[in-house]
Full PDB file with SEQRES, HELIX, SHEET, SSBOND, CRYST1, ORIGX, SCALE, CONECT and MASTER records, all heavy atoms in Angstrom:
SEQRES   1 A   37  SER TYR ALA TRP GLU ASN CYS ALA LEU ALA ASP TRP LEU          
SEQRES   2 A   37  VAL ARG GLN LEU THR LEU GLN GLY TYR ARG VAL TRP CYS          
SEQRES   3 A   37  ASP ARG PHE MET MET LEU GLY GLY GLU SER PHE                  
HELIX    1 AA1 TRP A    4  ASN A    6  5                                   3    
HELIX    2 AA2 CYS A    7  LEU A   19  1                                  13    
HELIX    3 AA3 LEU A   32  GLY A   34  5                                   3    
CRYST1    1.000    1.000    1.000  90.00  90.00  90.00 P 1           1          
ORIGX1      1.000000  0.000000  0.000000        0.00000                         
ORIGX2      0.000000  1.000000  0.000000        0.00000                         
ORIGX3      0.000000  0.000000  1.000000        0.00000                         
SCALE1      1.000000  0.000000  0.000000        0.00000                         
SCALE2      0.000000  1.000000  0.000000        0.00000                         
SCALE3      0.000000  0.000000  1.000000        0.00000                         
ATOM      1  N   SER A   1       0.857  -1.178   0.000  1.00  0.00           N  
ATOM      2  CA  SER A   1       0.000   0.000   0.000  1.00  0.00           C  
ATOM      3  C   SER A   1       0.897   1.233   0.000  1.00  0.00           C  
ATOM      4  O   SER A   1       1.735   1.391   0.893  1.00  0.00           O  
ATOM      5  CB  SER A   1      -0.903  -0.004   1.240  1.00  0.00           C  
ATOM      6  OG  SER A   1      -1.658   1.192   1.324  1.00  0.00           O  
ATOM      7  N   TYR A   2       0.691   2.135  -0.975  1.00  0.00           N  
ATOM      8  CA  TYR A   2       1.627   3.252  -1.128  1.00  0.00           C  
ATOM      9  C   TYR A   2       0.941   4.404  -1.849  1.00  0.00           C  
ATOM     10  O   TYR A   2      -0.130   4.249  -2.433  1.00  0.00           O  
ATOM     11  CB  TYR A   2       2.845   2.804  -1.948  1.00  0.00           C  
ATOM     12  CG  TYR A   2       2.545   2.595  -3.419  1.00  0.00           C  
ATOM     13  CD1 TYR A   2       2.953   3.522  -4.369  1.00  0.00           C  
ATOM     14  CD2 TYR A   2       1.814   1.487  -3.854  1.00  0.00           C  
ATOM     15  CE1 TYR A   2       2.656   3.347  -5.722  1.00  0.00           C  
ATOM     16  CE2 TYR A   2       1.509   1.310  -5.193  1.00  0.00           C  
ATOM     17  CZ  TYR A   2       1.933   2.246  -6.117  1.00  0.00           C  
ATOM     18  OH  TYR A   2       1.618   2.083  -7.447  1.00  0.00           O  
ATOM     19  N   ALA A   3       1.577   5.556  -1.808  1.00  0.00           N  
ATOM     20  CA  ALA A   3       1.149   6.704  -2.600  1.00  0.00           C  
ATOM     21  C   ALA A   3       1.978   6.759  -3.875  1.00  0.00           C  
ATOM     22  O   ALA A   3       3.126   6.312  -3.912  1.00  0.00           O  
ATOM     23  CB  ALA A   3       1.324   8.004  -1.809  1.00  0.00           C  
ATOM     24  N   TRP A   4       1.378   7.333  -4.921  1.00  0.00           N  
ATOM     25  CA  TRP A   4       2.043   7.369  -6.219  1.00  0.00           C  
ATOM     26  C   TRP A   4       3.443   7.979  -6.134  1.00  0.00           C  
ATOM     27  O   TRP A   4       4.377   7.544  -6.813  1.00  0.00           O  
ATOM     28  CB  TRP A   4       1.183   8.159  -7.209  1.00  0.00           C  
ATOM     29  CG  TRP A   4       1.847   8.365  -8.531  1.00  0.00           C  
ATOM     30  CD1 TRP A   4       2.511   9.480  -8.968  1.00  0.00           C  
ATOM     31  CD2 TRP A   4       1.944   7.417  -9.587  1.00  0.00           C  
ATOM     32  NE1 TRP A   4       2.993   9.285 -10.234  1.00  0.00           N  
ATOM     33  CE2 TRP A   4       2.664   8.028 -10.629  1.00  0.00           C  
ATOM     34  CE3 TRP A   4       1.483   6.105  -9.746  1.00  0.00           C  
ATOM     35  CZ2 TRP A   4       2.942   7.359 -11.825  1.00  0.00           C  
ATOM     36  CZ3 TRP A   4       1.752   5.453 -10.944  1.00  0.00           C  
ATOM     37  CH2 TRP A   4       2.471   6.077 -11.955  1.00  0.00           C  
ATOM     38  N   GLU A   5       3.613   8.974  -5.292  1.00  0.00           N  
ATOM     39  CA  GLU A   5       4.912   9.647  -5.188  1.00  0.00           C  
ATOM     40  C   GLU A   5       6.006   8.723  -4.659  1.00  0.00           C  
ATOM     41  O   GLU A   5       7.192   9.014  -4.811  1.00  0.00           O  
ATOM     42  CB  GLU A   5       4.795  10.879  -4.280  1.00  0.00           C  
ATOM     43  CG  GLU A   5       3.952  11.991  -4.855  1.00  0.00           C  
ATOM     44  CD  GLU A   5       2.466  11.809  -4.598  1.00  0.00           C  
ATOM     45  OE1 GLU A   5       2.057  10.726  -4.104  1.00  0.00           O  
ATOM     46  OE2 GLU A   5       1.698  12.749  -4.914  1.00  0.00           O  
ATOM     47  N   ASN A   6       5.621   7.625  -4.028  1.00  0.00           N  
ATOM     48  CA  ASN A   6       6.584   6.657  -3.501  1.00  0.00           C  
ATOM     49  C   ASN A   6       6.684   5.410  -4.376  1.00  0.00           C  
ATOM     50  O   ASN A   6       7.095   4.348  -3.911  1.00  0.00           O  
ATOM     51  CB  ASN A   6       6.191   6.246  -2.074  1.00  0.00           C  
ATOM     52  CG  ASN A   6       6.111   7.420  -1.127  1.00  0.00           C  
ATOM     53  OD1 ASN A   6       5.068   7.675  -0.524  1.00  0.00           O  
ATOM     54  ND2 ASN A   6       7.206   8.162  -0.984  1.00  0.00           N  
ATOM     55  N   CYS A   7       6.331   5.542  -5.659  1.00  0.00           N  
ATOM     56  CA  CYS A   7       6.291   4.368  -6.527  1.00  0.00           C  
ATOM     57  C   CYS A   7       7.671   3.752  -6.754  1.00  0.00           C  
ATOM     58  O   CYS A   7       7.785   2.541  -6.959  1.00  0.00           O  
ATOM     59  CB  CYS A   7       5.623   4.694  -7.859  1.00  0.00           C  
ATOM     60  SG  CYS A   7       6.492   5.903  -8.868  1.00  0.00           S  
ATOM     61  N   ALA A   8       8.735   4.550  -6.705  1.00  0.00           N  
ATOM     62  CA  ALA A   8      10.078   3.990  -6.904  1.00  0.00           C  
ATOM     63  C   ALA A   8      10.401   2.989  -5.799  1.00  0.00           C  
ATOM     64  O   ALA A   8      10.935   1.896  -6.063  1.00  0.00           O  
ATOM     65  CB  ALA A   8      11.121   5.101  -6.949  1.00  0.00           C  
ATOM     66  N   LEU A   9      10.076   3.343  -4.569  1.00  0.00           N  
ATOM     67  CA  LEU A   9      10.294   2.413  -3.460  1.00  0.00           C  
ATOM     68  C   LEU A   9       9.371   1.206  -3.571  1.00  0.00           C  
ATOM     69  O   LEU A   9       9.791   0.071  -3.318  1.00  0.00           O  
ATOM     70  CB  LEU A   9      10.073   3.128  -2.125  1.00  0.00           C  
ATOM     71  CG  LEU A   9      10.133   2.249  -0.868  1.00  0.00           C  
ATOM     72  CD1 LEU A   9      11.440   1.483  -0.793  1.00  0.00           C  
ATOM     73  CD2 LEU A   9       9.924   3.105   0.381  1.00  0.00           C  
ATOM     74  N   ALA A  10       8.120   1.428  -3.954  1.00  0.00           N  
ATOM     75  CA  ALA A  10       7.188   0.311  -4.116  1.00  0.00           C  
ATOM     76  C   ALA A  10       7.711  -0.680  -5.150  1.00  0.00           C  
ATOM     77  O   ALA A  10       7.697  -1.901  -4.934  1.00  0.00           O  
ATOM     78  CB  ALA A  10       5.803   0.827  -4.512  1.00  0.00           C  
ATOM     79  N   ASP A  11       8.191  -0.172  -6.292  1.00  0.00           N  
ATOM     80  CA  ASP A  11       8.742  -1.047  -7.335  1.00  0.00           C  
ATOM     81  C   ASP A  11       9.924  -1.842  -6.811  1.00  0.00           C  
ATOM     82  O   ASP A  11      10.050  -3.052  -7.046  1.00  0.00           O  
ATOM     83  CB  ASP A  11       9.192  -0.222  -8.544  1.00  0.00           C  
ATOM     84  CG  ASP A  11       8.043   0.451  -9.271  1.00  0.00           C  
ATOM     85  OD1 ASP A  11       6.877   0.136  -8.969  1.00  0.00           O  
ATOM     86  OD2 ASP A  11       8.315   1.298 -10.141  1.00  0.00           O  
ATOM     87  N   TRP A  12      10.818  -1.157  -6.124  1.00  0.00           N  
ATOM     88  CA  TRP A  12      12.021  -1.802  -5.590  1.00  0.00           C  
ATOM     89  C   TRP A  12      11.650  -2.893  -4.590  1.00  0.00           C  
ATOM     90  O   TRP A  12      12.228  -3.989  -4.606  1.00  0.00           O  
ATOM     91  CB  TRP A  12      12.898  -0.739  -4.939  1.00  0.00           C  
ATOM     92  CG  TRP A  12      14.214  -1.233  -4.424  1.00  0.00           C  
ATOM     93  CD1 TRP A  12      15.352  -1.438  -5.142  1.00  0.00           C  
ATOM     94  CD2 TRP A  12      14.527  -1.575  -3.065  1.00  0.00           C  
ATOM     95  NE1 TRP A  12      16.363  -1.887  -4.312  1.00  0.00           N  
ATOM     96  CE2 TRP A  12      15.878  -1.972  -3.034  1.00  0.00           C  
ATOM     97  CE3 TRP A  12      13.804  -1.565  -1.879  1.00  0.00           C  
ATOM     98  CZ2 TRP A  12      16.517  -2.370  -1.865  1.00  0.00           C  
ATOM     99  CZ3 TRP A  12      14.430  -1.966  -0.702  1.00  0.00           C  
ATOM    100  CH2 TRP A  12      15.772  -2.361  -0.698  1.00  0.00           C  
ATOM    101  N   LEU A  13      10.681  -2.600  -3.738  1.00  0.00           N  
ATOM    102  CA  LEU A  13      10.253  -3.591  -2.748  1.00  0.00           C  
ATOM    103  C   LEU A  13       9.667  -4.830  -3.415  1.00  0.00           C  
ATOM    104  O   LEU A  13       9.933  -5.957  -2.996  1.00  0.00           O  
ATOM    105  CB  LEU A  13       9.211  -2.978  -1.821  1.00  0.00           C  
ATOM    106  CG  LEU A  13       9.690  -2.390  -0.497  1.00  0.00           C  
ATOM    107  CD1 LEU A  13       8.507  -1.834   0.276  1.00  0.00           C  
ATOM    108  CD2 LEU A  13      10.428  -3.429   0.331  1.00  0.00           C  
ATOM    109  N   VAL A  14       8.842  -4.613  -4.442  1.00  0.00           N  
ATOM    110  CA  VAL A  14       8.256  -5.754  -5.152  1.00  0.00           C  
ATOM    111  C   VAL A  14       9.353  -6.661  -5.687  1.00  0.00           C  
ATOM    112  O   VAL A  14       9.316  -7.889  -5.528  1.00  0.00           O  
ATOM    113  CB  VAL A  14       7.338  -5.279  -6.294  1.00  0.00           C  
ATOM    114  CG1 VAL A  14       6.928  -6.453  -7.172  1.00  0.00           C  
ATOM    115  CG2 VAL A  14       6.103  -4.592  -5.735  1.00  0.00           C  
ATOM    116  N   ARG A  15      10.349  -6.072  -6.321  1.00  0.00           N  
ATOM    117  CA  ARG A  15      11.432  -6.871  -6.894  1.00  0.00           C  
ATOM    118  C   ARG A  15      12.222  -7.605  -5.812  1.00  0.00           C  
ATOM    119  O   ARG A  15      12.520  -8.803  -5.929  1.00  0.00           O  
ATOM    120  CB  ARG A  15      12.354  -5.974  -7.709  1.00  0.00           C  
ATOM    121  CG  ARG A  15      11.694  -5.404  -8.949  1.00  0.00           C  
ATOM    122  CD  ARG A  15      12.635  -4.478  -9.709  1.00  0.00           C  
ATOM    123  NE  ARG A  15      11.994  -3.963 -10.905  1.00  0.00           N  
ATOM    124  CZ  ARG A  15      11.837  -2.675 -11.185  1.00  0.00           C  
ATOM    125  NH1 ARG A  15      12.255  -1.751 -10.335  1.00  0.00           N  
ATOM    126  NH2 ARG A  15      11.252  -2.300 -12.302  1.00  0.00           N  
ATOM    127  N   GLN A  16      12.567  -6.898  -4.753  1.00  0.00           N  
ATOM    128  CA  GLN A  16      13.375  -7.506  -3.698  1.00  0.00           C  
ATOM    129  C   GLN A  16      12.634  -8.632  -2.994  1.00  0.00           C  
ATOM    130  O   GLN A  16      13.206  -9.695  -2.721  1.00  0.00           O  
ATOM    131  CB  GLN A  16      13.800  -6.432  -2.687  1.00  0.00           C  
ATOM    132  CG  GLN A  16      14.721  -5.361  -3.241  1.00  0.00           C  
ATOM    133  CD  GLN A  16      16.037  -5.930  -3.741  1.00  0.00           C  
ATOM    134  OE1 GLN A  16      16.617  -6.820  -3.125  1.00  0.00           O  
ATOM    135  NE2 GLN A  16      16.505  -5.420  -4.874  1.00  0.00           N  
ATOM    136  N   LEU A  17      11.368  -8.424  -2.690  1.00  0.00           N  
ATOM    137  CA  LEU A  17      10.600  -9.449  -1.997  1.00  0.00           C  
ATOM    138  C   LEU A  17      10.313 -10.641  -2.906  1.00  0.00           C  
ATOM    139  O   LEU A  17      10.270 -11.791  -2.458  1.00  0.00           O  
ATOM    140  CB  LEU A  17       9.299  -8.852  -1.458  1.00  0.00           C  
ATOM    141  CG  LEU A  17       9.482  -7.818  -0.338  1.00  0.00           C  
ATOM    142  CD1 LEU A  17       8.152  -7.149  -0.007  1.00  0.00           C  
ATOM    143  CD2 LEU A  17      10.076  -8.469   0.911  1.00  0.00           C  
ATOM    144  N   THR A  18      10.111 -10.355  -4.186  1.00  0.00           N  
ATOM    145  CA  THR A  18       9.896 -11.449  -5.134  1.00  0.00           C  
ATOM    146  C   THR A  18      11.148 -12.308  -5.261  1.00  0.00           C  
ATOM    147  O   THR A  18      11.065 -13.538  -5.345  1.00  0.00           O  
ATOM    148  CB  THR A  18       9.490 -10.896  -6.514  1.00  0.00           C  
ATOM    149  OG1 THR A  18       8.294 -10.130  -6.365  1.00  0.00           O  
ATOM    150  CG2 THR A  18       9.220 -12.024  -7.499  1.00  0.00           C  
ATOM    151  N   LEU A  19      12.301 -11.676  -5.271  1.00  0.00           N  
ATOM    152  CA  LEU A  19      13.559 -12.426  -5.296  1.00  0.00           C  
ATOM    153  C   LEU A  19      13.680 -13.355  -4.092  1.00  0.00           C  
ATOM    154  O   LEU A  19      14.324 -14.409  -4.172  1.00  0.00           O  
ATOM    155  CB  LEU A  19      14.750 -11.464  -5.332  1.00  0.00           C  
ATOM    156  CG  LEU A  19      15.062 -10.819  -6.677  1.00  0.00           C  
ATOM    157  CD1 LEU A  19      16.101  -9.708  -6.518  1.00  0.00           C  
ATOM    158  CD2 LEU A  19      15.556 -11.855  -7.679  1.00  0.00           C  
ATOM    159  N   GLN A  20      13.052 -12.969  -2.993  1.00  0.00           N  
ATOM    160  CA  GLN A  20      13.093 -13.810  -1.792  1.00  0.00           C  
ATOM    161  C   GLN A  20      12.039 -14.918  -1.819  1.00  0.00           C  
ATOM    162  O   GLN A  20      11.959 -15.722  -0.890  1.00  0.00           O  
ATOM    163  CB  GLN A  20      12.894 -12.933  -0.548  1.00  0.00           C  
ATOM    164  CG  GLN A  20      14.015 -11.932  -0.319  1.00  0.00           C  
ATOM    165  CD  GLN A  20      13.799 -11.108   0.932  1.00  0.00           C  
ATOM    166  OE1 GLN A  20      13.141 -11.532   1.884  1.00  0.00           O  
ATOM    167  NE2 GLN A  20      14.370  -9.912   0.961  1.00  0.00           N  
ATOM    168  N   GLY A  21      11.201 -14.942  -2.865  1.00  0.00           N  
ATOM    169  CA  GLY A  21      10.234 -16.021  -3.014  1.00  0.00           C  
ATOM    170  C   GLY A  21       8.809 -15.664  -2.644  1.00  0.00           C  
ATOM    171  O   GLY A  21       7.927 -16.530  -2.689  1.00  0.00           O  
ATOM    172  N   TYR A  22       8.551 -14.402  -2.289  1.00  0.00           N  
ATOM    173  CA  TYR A  22       7.196 -14.004  -1.911  1.00  0.00           C  
ATOM    174  C   TYR A  22       6.366 -13.631  -3.138  1.00  0.00           C  
ATOM    175  O   TYR A  22       6.888 -13.131  -4.129  1.00  0.00           O  
ATOM    176  CB  TYR A  22       7.236 -12.805  -0.961  1.00  0.00           C  
ATOM    177  CG  TYR A  22       7.939 -13.089   0.346  1.00  0.00           C  
ATOM    178  CD1 TYR A  22       9.215 -12.589   0.585  1.00  0.00           C  
ATOM    179  CD2 TYR A  22       7.329 -13.858   1.333  1.00  0.00           C  
ATOM    180  CE1 TYR A  22       9.872 -12.850   1.782  1.00  0.00           C  
ATOM    181  CE2 TYR A  22       7.974 -14.121   2.532  1.00  0.00           C  
ATOM    182  CZ  TYR A  22       9.248 -13.617   2.747  1.00  0.00           C  
ATOM    183  OH  TYR A  22       9.896 -13.879   3.928  1.00  0.00           O  
ATOM    184  N   ARG A  23       5.064 -13.865  -3.043  1.00  0.00           N  
ATOM    185  CA  ARG A  23       4.128 -13.329  -4.026  1.00  0.00           C  
ATOM    186  C   ARG A  23       3.686 -11.955  -3.533  1.00  0.00           C  
ATOM    187  O   ARG A  23       3.188 -11.831  -2.416  1.00  0.00           O  
ATOM    188  CB  ARG A  23       2.906 -14.238  -4.197  1.00  0.00           C  
ATOM    189  CG  ARG A  23       3.170 -15.478  -5.035  1.00  0.00           C  
ATOM    190  CD  ARG A  23       1.867 -16.109  -5.466  1.00  0.00           C  
ATOM    191  NE  ARG A  23       2.070 -17.251  -6.341  1.00  0.00           N  
ATOM    192  CZ  ARG A  23       2.281 -17.169  -7.642  1.00  0.00           C  
ATOM    193  NH1 ARG A  23       2.316 -15.986  -8.216  1.00  0.00           N  
ATOM    194  NH2 ARG A  23       2.459 -18.242  -8.371  1.00  0.00           N  
ATOM    195  N   VAL A  24       3.865 -10.949  -4.365  1.00  0.00           N  
ATOM    196  CA  VAL A  24       3.612  -9.579  -3.932  1.00  0.00           C  
ATOM    197  C   VAL A  24       2.590  -8.928  -4.850  1.00  0.00           C  
ATOM    198  O   VAL A  24       2.728  -8.964  -6.069  1.00  0.00           O  
ATOM    199  CB  VAL A  24       4.906  -8.744  -3.946  1.00  0.00           C  
ATOM    200  CG1 VAL A  24       4.668  -7.379  -3.327  1.00  0.00           C  
ATOM    201  CG2 VAL A  24       6.030  -9.477  -3.207  1.00  0.00           C  
ATOM    202  N   TRP A  25       1.573  -8.324  -4.238  1.00  0.00           N  
ATOM    203  CA  TRP A  25       0.598  -7.551  -4.994  1.00  0.00           C  
ATOM    204  C   TRP A  25       0.936  -6.072  -4.887  1.00  0.00           C  
ATOM    205  O   TRP A  25       1.067  -5.522  -3.798  1.00  0.00           O  
ATOM    206  CB  TRP A  25      -0.815  -7.777  -4.452  1.00  0.00           C  
ATOM    207  CG  TRP A  25      -1.555  -8.866  -5.133  1.00  0.00           C  
ATOM    208  CD1 TRP A  25      -1.390  -9.301  -6.401  1.00  0.00           C  
ATOM    209  CD2 TRP A  25      -2.608  -9.657  -4.576  1.00  0.00           C  
ATOM    210  NE1 TRP A  25      -2.267 -10.313  -6.684  1.00  0.00           N  
ATOM    211  CE2 TRP A  25      -3.021 -10.553  -5.575  1.00  0.00           C  
ATOM    212  CE3 TRP A  25      -3.231  -9.684  -3.332  1.00  0.00           C  
ATOM    213  CZ2 TRP A  25      -4.041 -11.478  -5.366  1.00  0.00           C  
ATOM    214  CZ3 TRP A  25      -4.245 -10.595  -3.126  1.00  0.00           C  
ATOM    215  CH2 TRP A  25      -4.647 -11.485  -4.137  1.00  0.00           C  
ATOM    216  N   CYS A  26       1.068  -5.448  -6.040  1.00  0.00           N  
ATOM    217  CA  CYS A  26       1.264  -4.005  -6.114  1.00  0.00           C  
ATOM    218  C   CYS A  26       0.601  -3.575  -7.410  1.00  0.00           C  
ATOM    219  O   CYS A  26       0.754  -4.251  -8.444  1.00  0.00           O  
ATOM    220  CB  CYS A  26       2.751  -3.657  -6.122  1.00  0.00           C  
ATOM    221  SG  CYS A  26       3.110  -1.900  -6.304  1.00  0.00           S  
ATOM    222  N   ASP A  27      -0.139  -2.485  -7.401  1.00  0.00           N  
ATOM    223  CA  ASP A  27      -0.957  -2.158  -8.565  1.00  0.00           C  
ATOM    224  C   ASP A  27      -0.159  -1.802  -9.806  1.00  0.00           C  
ATOM    225  O   ASP A  27      -0.715  -1.658 -10.884  1.00  0.00           O  
ATOM    226  CB  ASP A  27      -1.949  -1.046  -8.230  1.00  0.00           C  
ATOM    227  CG  ASP A  27      -1.272   0.262  -7.857  1.00  0.00           C  
ATOM    228  OD1 ASP A  27      -0.036   0.349  -7.911  1.00  0.00           O  
ATOM    229  OD2 ASP A  27      -1.989   1.209  -7.486  1.00  0.00           O  
ATOM    230  N   ARG A  28       1.146  -1.685  -9.694  1.00  0.00           N  
ATOM    231  CA  ARG A  28       1.979  -1.380 -10.857  1.00  0.00           C  
ATOM    232  C   ARG A  28       2.415  -2.640 -11.604  1.00  0.00           C  
ATOM    233  O   ARG A  28       3.038  -2.551 -12.659  1.00  0.00           O  
ATOM    234  CB  ARG A  28       3.210  -0.593 -10.418  1.00  0.00           C  
ATOM    235  CG  ARG A  28       2.867   0.833 -10.025  1.00  0.00           C  
ATOM    236  CD  ARG A  28       4.009   1.513  -9.323  1.00  0.00           C  
ATOM    237  NE  ARG A  28       5.224   1.598 -10.103  1.00  0.00           N  
ATOM    238  CZ  ARG A  28       5.432   2.476 -11.110  1.00  0.00           C  
ATOM    239  NH1 ARG A  28       4.473   3.312 -11.461  1.00  0.00           N  
ATOM    240  NH2 ARG A  28       6.579   2.519 -11.733  1.00  0.00           N  
ATOM    241  N   PHE A  29       2.094  -3.799 -11.082  1.00  0.00           N  
ATOM    242  CA  PHE A  29       2.630  -5.017 -11.658  1.00  0.00           C  
ATOM    243  C   PHE A  29       1.586  -6.116 -11.829  1.00  0.00           C  
ATOM    244  O   PHE A  29       0.606  -6.177 -11.093  1.00  0.00           O  
ATOM    245  CB  PHE A  29       3.741  -5.572 -10.765  1.00  0.00           C  
ATOM    246  CG  PHE A  29       4.899  -4.646 -10.606  1.00  0.00           C  
ATOM    247  CD1 PHE A  29       5.057  -3.916  -9.446  1.00  0.00           C  
ATOM    248  CD2 PHE A  29       5.833  -4.486 -11.607  1.00  0.00           C  
ATOM    249  CE1 PHE A  29       6.117  -3.054  -9.277  1.00  0.00           C  
ATOM    250  CE2 PHE A  29       6.901  -3.629 -11.456  1.00  0.00           C  
ATOM    251  CZ  PHE A  29       7.040  -2.913 -10.284  1.00  0.00           C  
ATOM    252  N   MET A  30       1.877  -7.019 -12.763  1.00  0.00           N  
ATOM    253  CA  MET A  30       1.153  -8.273 -12.878  1.00  0.00           C  
ATOM    254  C   MET A  30       2.124  -9.383 -12.507  1.00  0.00           C  
ATOM    255  O   MET A  30       3.297  -9.337 -12.854  1.00  0.00           O  
ATOM    256  CB  MET A  30       0.638  -8.494 -14.302  1.00  0.00           C  
ATOM    257  CG  MET A  30      -0.123  -9.802 -14.474  1.00  0.00           C  
ATOM    258  SD  MET A  30      -0.678 -10.044 -16.182  1.00  0.00           S  
ATOM    259  CE  MET A  30      -1.942  -8.804 -16.274  1.00  0.00           C  
ATOM    260  N   MET A  31       1.636 -10.376 -11.789  1.00  0.00           N  
ATOM    261  CA  MET A  31       2.510 -11.422 -11.278  1.00  0.00           C  
ATOM    262  C   MET A  31       2.853 -12.452 -12.349  1.00  0.00           C  
ATOM    263  O   MET A  31       2.293 -12.467 -13.432  1.00  0.00           O  
ATOM    264  CB  MET A  31       1.844 -12.126 -10.093  1.00  0.00           C  
ATOM    265  CG  MET A  31       1.477 -11.181  -8.966  1.00  0.00           C  
ATOM    266  SD  MET A  31       2.882 -10.286  -8.295  1.00  0.00           S  
ATOM    267  CE  MET A  31       3.796 -11.653  -7.576  1.00  0.00           C  
ATOM    268  N   LEU A  32       3.790 -13.329 -12.010  1.00  0.00           N  
ATOM    269  CA  LEU A  32       4.158 -14.423 -12.905  1.00  0.00           C  
ATOM    270  C   LEU A  32       2.945 -15.266 -13.261  1.00  0.00           C  
ATOM    271  O   LEU A  32       2.037 -15.431 -12.462  1.00  0.00           O  
ATOM    272  CB  LEU A  32       5.196 -15.331 -12.223  1.00  0.00           C  
ATOM    273  CG  LEU A  32       6.645 -14.865 -12.281  1.00  0.00           C  
ATOM    274  CD1 LEU A  32       7.502 -15.746 -11.388  1.00  0.00           C  
ATOM    275  CD2 LEU A  32       7.161 -14.923 -13.699  1.00  0.00           C  
ATOM    276  N   GLY A  33       2.946 -15.792 -14.464  1.00  0.00           N  
ATOM    277  CA  GLY A  33       1.868 -16.659 -14.888  1.00  0.00           C  
ATOM    278  C   GLY A  33       0.598 -15.918 -15.241  1.00  0.00           C  
ATOM    279  O   GLY A  33      -0.464 -16.510 -15.361  1.00  0.00           O  
ATOM    280  N   GLY A  34       0.685 -14.577 -15.404  1.00  0.00           N  
ATOM    281  CA  GLY A  34      -0.472 -13.804 -15.816  1.00  0.00           C  
ATOM    282  C   GLY A  34      -1.433 -13.452 -14.710  1.00  0.00           C  
ATOM    283  O   GLY A  34      -2.553 -13.037 -14.953  1.00  0.00           O  
ATOM    284  N   GLU A  35      -1.009 -13.599 -13.457  1.00  0.00           N  
ATOM    285  CA  GLU A  35      -1.889 -13.262 -12.344  1.00  0.00           C  
ATOM    286  C   GLU A  35      -1.971 -11.744 -12.229  1.00  0.00           C  
ATOM    287  O   GLU A  35      -0.990 -11.079 -11.940  1.00  0.00           O  
ATOM    288  CB  GLU A  35      -1.345 -13.849 -11.042  1.00  0.00           C  
ATOM    289  CG  GLU A  35      -2.204 -13.529  -9.845  1.00  0.00           C  
ATOM    290  CD  GLU A  35      -1.558 -13.965  -8.544  1.00  0.00           C  
ATOM    291  OE1 GLU A  35      -0.380 -14.325  -8.554  1.00  0.00           O  
ATOM    292  OE2 GLU A  35      -2.254 -13.936  -7.526  1.00  0.00           O  
ATOM    293  N   SER A  36      -3.137 -11.188 -12.453  1.00  0.00           N  
ATOM    294  CA  SER A  36      -3.287  -9.739 -12.457  1.00  0.00           C  
ATOM    295  C   SER A  36      -3.606  -9.218 -11.066  1.00  0.00           C  
ATOM    296  O   SER A  36      -3.983  -9.973 -10.171  1.00  0.00           O  
ATOM    297  CB  SER A  36      -4.391  -9.323 -13.426  1.00  0.00           C  
ATOM    298  OG  SER A  36      -5.623  -9.878 -13.023  1.00  0.00           O  
ATOM    299  N   PHE A  37      -3.464  -7.898 -10.930  1.00  0.00           N  
ATOM    300  CA  PHE A  37      -3.822  -7.272  -9.669  1.00  0.00           C  
ATOM    301  C   PHE A  37      -5.323  -7.443  -9.446  1.00  0.00           C  
ATOM    302  O   PHE A  37      -6.109  -7.317 -10.378  1.00  0.00           O  
ATOM    303  CB  PHE A  37      -3.456  -5.780  -9.713  1.00  0.00           C  
ATOM    304  CG  PHE A  37      -3.475  -5.122  -8.375  1.00  0.00           C  
ATOM    305  CD1 PHE A  37      -2.421  -5.289  -7.496  1.00  0.00           C  
ATOM    306  CD2 PHE A  37      -4.537  -4.345  -7.989  1.00  0.00           C  
ATOM    307  CE1 PHE A  37      -2.426  -4.689  -6.250  1.00  0.00           C  
ATOM    308  CE2 PHE A  37      -4.568  -3.733  -6.741  1.00  0.00           C  
ATOM    309  CZ  PHE A  37      -3.499  -3.909  -5.881  1.00  0.00           C  
TER     310      PHE A  37                                                      
MASTER        0    0    0    3    0    0    0    6  309    1    0    3          
END                                                                             
């Protein structure tokens, strides 16, 4: 959950947490396998 002005941090967090094996929902992304927000 974030504000648009903090989208750079939100993007970075999604990538870092995904690298650790977590499934992460963030409205800027669609997950692996076509799983949409």
